[in-house]
Amino acid sequence: MEQAIKGYQWLIKDPDKFGGKPIIKGTRFTVSFILSCLAENMSYEEIIQEYSEFPRESVPEILKFASEVTDIPDVAA
């Protein structure tokens, strides 16, 4: 069952998909996958060209989510 991640419009979790990892709503992209693409210097256009479309508006949320998660004291970053 999909559930929204509080404070985010585009990020959801579903225990039946990707082991409950955060994903972008309406896609099969995990947040970690998009982060790894961005870390490899791929642009939004390159990601959609190589894989599939996803909402451009979700990119700032993905970065904000990563920032918040790595600020949690118990997360090794």
N, C-alpha and C. Protein backbone atom coordinates (compact mmCIF):
# COMPACT_ATOMS: atom_id res chain seq x y z
N MET A 1 0.83 -1.18 0.00
CA MET A 1 0.00 0.00 0.00
C MET A 1 0.88 1.25 0.00
N GLU A 2 0.70 2.09 -1.00
CA GLU A 2 1.46 3.33 -1.11
C GLU A 2 1.12 4.29 0.01
N GLN A 3 2.16 4.94 0.53
CA GLN A 3 1.92 6.00 1.50
C GLN A 3 2.87 7.15 1.21
N ALA A 4 2.30 8.35 1.29
CA ALA A 4 3.09 9.55 1.04
C ALA A 4 4.11 9.72 2.15
N ILE A 5 5.25 10.27 1.82
CA ILE A 5 6.25 10.64 2.82
C ILE A 5 5.91 12.05 3.25
N LYS A 6 5.66 12.20 4.52
CA LYS A 6 5.20 13.48 5.07
C LYS A 6 6.13 14.62 4.65
N GLY A 7 5.52 15.68 4.16
CA GLY A 7 6.28 16.86 3.76
C GLY A 7 6.74 16.85 2.32
N TYR A 8 6.39 15.80 1.58
CA TYR A 8 6.82 15.67 0.19
C TYR A 8 5.63 15.38 -0.71
N GLN A 9 5.60 16.05 -1.85
CA GLN A 9 4.54 15.85 -2.83
C GLN A 9 4.83 14.64 -3.73
N TRP A 10 6.11 14.42 -4.06
CA TRP A 10 6.48 13.42 -5.06
C TRP A 10 7.05 12.13 -4.50
N LEU A 11 7.34 12.07 -3.22
CA LEU A 11 7.99 10.89 -2.66
C LEU A 11 7.01 10.04 -1.87
N ILE A 12 7.06 8.74 -2.14
CA ILE A 12 6.18 7.79 -1.46
C ILE A 12 6.98 6.56 -1.04
N LYS A 13 6.35 5.75 -0.19
CA LYS A 13 6.90 4.45 0.17
C LYS A 13 5.81 3.42 -0.01
N ASP A 14 6.22 2.22 -0.38
CA ASP A 14 5.31 1.09 -0.51
C ASP A 14 6.09 -0.15 -0.10
N PRO A 15 5.69 -0.78 1.00
CA PRO A 15 6.45 -1.95 1.47
C PRO A 15 6.51 -3.08 0.44
N ASP A 16 5.59 -3.08 -0.53
CA ASP A 16 5.59 -4.12 -1.55
C ASP A 16 6.44 -3.78 -2.77
N LYS A 17 7.02 -2.57 -2.79
CA LYS A 17 7.87 -2.16 -3.91
C LYS A 17 9.24 -1.77 -3.40
N PHE A 18 10.26 -2.37 -3.97
CA PHE A 18 11.65 -2.03 -3.65
C PHE A 18 11.94 -2.10 -2.16
N GLY A 19 11.30 -3.03 -1.48
CA GLY A 19 11.55 -3.22 -0.05
C GLY A 19 11.18 -2.02 0.80
N GLY A 20 10.27 -1.18 0.32
CA GLY A 20 9.85 -0.02 1.09
C GLY A 20 10.74 1.20 0.93
N LYS A 21 11.71 1.12 0.01
CA LYS A 21 12.57 2.29 -0.23
C LYS A 21 11.73 3.43 -0.79
N PRO A 22 12.11 4.67 -0.52
CA PRO A 22 11.39 5.81 -1.09
C PRO A 22 11.48 5.81 -2.61
N ILE A 23 10.34 6.03 -3.26
CA ILE A 23 10.28 6.10 -4.71
C ILE A 23 9.58 7.38 -5.14
N ILE A 24 9.73 7.72 -6.42
CA ILE A 24 9.07 8.88 -6.98
C ILE A 24 7.68 8.44 -7.44
N LYS A 25 6.68 9.16 -6.95
CA LYS A 25 5.29 8.82 -7.25
C LYS A 25 5.07 8.72 -8.76
N GLY A 26 4.36 7.66 -9.16
CA GLY A 26 4.03 7.47 -10.56
C GLY A 26 5.14 6.85 -11.39
N THR A 27 6.24 6.45 -10.72
CA THR A 27 7.37 5.85 -11.43
C THR A 27 7.83 4.59 -10.71
N ARG A 28 8.83 3.96 -11.28
CA ARG A 28 9.50 2.85 -10.62
C ARG A 28 10.94 3.24 -10.28
N PHE A 29 11.17 4.53 -10.10
CA PHE A 29 12.49 5.04 -9.72
C PHE A 29 12.58 5.19 -8.21
N THR A 30 13.64 4.64 -7.64
CA THR A 30 13.90 4.90 -6.23
C THR A 30 14.66 6.22 -6.10
N VAL A 31 14.53 6.82 -4.94
CA VAL A 31 15.28 8.05 -4.68
C VAL A 31 16.77 7.76 -4.81
N SER A 32 17.22 6.63 -4.30
CA SER A 32 18.65 6.32 -4.35
C SER A 32 19.14 6.14 -5.79
N PHE A 33 18.30 5.61 -6.67
CA PHE A 33 18.69 5.46 -8.07
C PHE A 33 18.91 6.82 -8.73
N ILE A 34 17.96 7.73 -8.52
CA ILE A 34 18.09 9.07 -9.10
C ILE A 34 19.30 9.78 -8.52
N LEU A 35 19.52 9.64 -7.22
CA LEU A 35 20.70 10.25 -6.60
C LEU A 35 21.98 9.71 -7.22
N SER A 36 22.02 8.42 -7.48
CA SER A 36 23.24 7.86 -8.08
C SER A 36 23.43 8.38 -9.50
N CYS A 37 22.35 8.55 -10.24
CA CYS A 37 22.45 9.14 -11.59
C CYS A 37 22.99 10.56 -11.51
N LEU A 38 22.45 11.35 -10.60
CA LEU A 38 22.90 12.73 -10.44
C LEU A 38 24.36 12.77 -9.99
N ALA A 39 24.75 11.84 -9.12
CA ALA A 39 26.14 11.78 -8.65
C ALA A 39 27.10 11.45 -9.79
N GLU A 40 26.60 10.74 -10.79
CA GLU A 40 27.41 10.41 -11.96
C GLU A 40 27.37 11.52 -13.00
N ASN A 41 26.85 12.68 -12.59
CA ASN A 41 26.80 13.88 -13.43
C ASN A 41 25.79 13.80 -14.56
N MET A 42 24.79 12.93 -14.44
CA MET A 42 23.74 12.87 -15.46
C MET A 42 22.78 14.03 -15.23
N SER A 43 22.34 14.64 -16.31
CA SER A 43 21.32 15.68 -16.21
C SER A 43 19.95 15.01 -16.20
N TYR A 44 18.94 15.80 -15.86
CA TYR A 44 17.57 15.30 -15.93
C TYR A 44 17.28 14.75 -17.32
N GLU A 45 17.66 15.50 -18.34
CA GLU A 45 17.41 15.09 -19.72
C GLU A 45 18.11 13.77 -20.06
N GLU A 46 19.32 13.59 -19.57
CA GLU A 46 20.04 12.34 -19.82
C GLU A 46 19.38 11.16 -19.11
N ILE A 47 18.88 11.40 -17.91
CA ILE A 47 18.21 10.32 -17.17
C ILE A 47 16.95 9.88 -17.92
N ILE A 48 16.13 10.83 -18.36
CA ILE A 48 14.89 10.43 -19.04
C ILE A 48 15.19 9.84 -20.42
N GLN A 49 16.26 10.29 -21.05
CA GLN A 49 16.65 9.73 -22.35
C GLN A 49 17.12 8.27 -22.18
N GLU A 50 17.87 8.02 -21.13
CA GLU A 50 18.43 6.69 -20.90
C GLU A 50 17.42 5.71 -20.29
N TYR A 51 16.55 6.21 -19.42
CA TYR A 51 15.67 5.31 -18.66
C TYR A 51 14.19 5.56 -18.94
N SER A 52 13.65 6.64 -18.46
CA SER A 52 12.23 6.91 -18.63
C SER A 52 11.93 8.28 -18.04
N GLU A 53 10.78 8.81 -18.38
CA GLU A 53 10.40 10.11 -17.83
C GLU A 53 9.97 9.98 -16.38
N PHE A 54 10.24 11.01 -15.65
CA PHE A 54 9.73 11.17 -14.30
C PHE A 54 9.58 12.67 -14.07
N PRO A 55 8.79 13.07 -13.09
CA PRO A 55 8.52 14.50 -12.93
C PRO A 55 9.76 15.30 -12.56
N ARG A 56 10.07 16.29 -13.39
CA ARG A 56 11.21 17.17 -13.14
C ARG A 56 11.08 17.83 -11.77
N GLU A 57 9.85 18.13 -11.38
CA GLU A 57 9.59 18.81 -10.11
C GLU A 57 10.02 17.97 -8.91
N SER A 58 10.23 16.68 -9.12
CA SER A 58 10.62 15.82 -8.01
C SER A 58 12.11 15.95 -7.66
N VAL A 59 12.92 16.47 -8.56
CA VAL A 59 14.37 16.53 -8.32
C VAL A 59 14.72 17.35 -7.07
N PRO A 60 14.18 18.56 -6.88
CA PRO A 60 14.51 19.28 -5.64
C PRO A 60 14.07 18.51 -4.39
N GLU A 61 12.93 17.82 -4.48
CA GLU A 61 12.49 17.03 -3.33
C GLU A 61 13.44 15.87 -3.04
N ILE A 62 13.95 15.25 -4.09
CA ILE A 62 14.91 14.15 -3.92
C ILE A 62 16.15 14.65 -3.19
N LEU A 63 16.66 15.80 -3.62
CA LEU A 63 17.85 16.36 -2.99
C LEU A 63 17.57 16.79 -1.55
N LYS A 64 16.41 17.38 -1.30
CA LYS A 64 16.03 17.77 0.06
C LYS A 64 15.93 16.54 0.96
N PHE A 65 15.29 15.48 0.45
CA PHE A 65 15.14 14.24 1.21
C PHE A 65 16.52 13.68 1.57
N ALA A 66 17.42 13.64 0.61
CA ALA A 66 18.77 13.12 0.86
C ALA A 66 19.47 13.96 1.91
N SER A 67 19.32 15.26 1.83
CA SER A 67 19.93 16.15 2.81
C SER A 67 19.39 15.89 4.21
N GLU A 68 18.09 15.73 4.32
CA GLU A 68 17.47 15.49 5.62
C GLU A 68 17.88 14.13 6.20
N VAL A 69 17.91 13.12 5.35
CA VAL A 69 18.26 11.77 5.83
C VAL A 69 19.71 11.73 6.30
N THR A 70 20.60 12.39 5.60
CA THR A 70 22.00 12.35 6.02
C THR A 70 22.27 13.23 7.23
N ASP A 71 21.32 14.06 7.60
CA ASP A 71 21.45 14.87 8.81
C ASP A 71 21.00 14.13 10.07
N ILE A 72 20.36 12.99 9.91
CA ILE A 72 19.90 12.20 11.04
C ILE A 72 21.14 11.63 11.73
N PRO A 73 21.29 11.82 13.06
CA PRO A 73 22.51 11.42 13.75
C PRO A 73 22.86 9.93 13.61
N ASP A 74 21.89 9.05 13.48
CA ASP A 74 22.17 7.62 13.42
C ASP A 74 22.49 7.11 12.03
N VAL A 75 22.51 8.00 11.03
CA VAL A 75 22.80 7.59 9.66
C VAL A 75 24.27 7.86 9.36
N ALA A 76 24.96 6.81 8.94
CA ALA A 76 26.37 6.99 8.55
C ALA A 76 26.39 7.57 7.15
N ALA A 77 26.95 8.73 7.00
CA ALA A 77 26.98 9.35 5.67
C ALA A 77 28.40 9.66 5.28
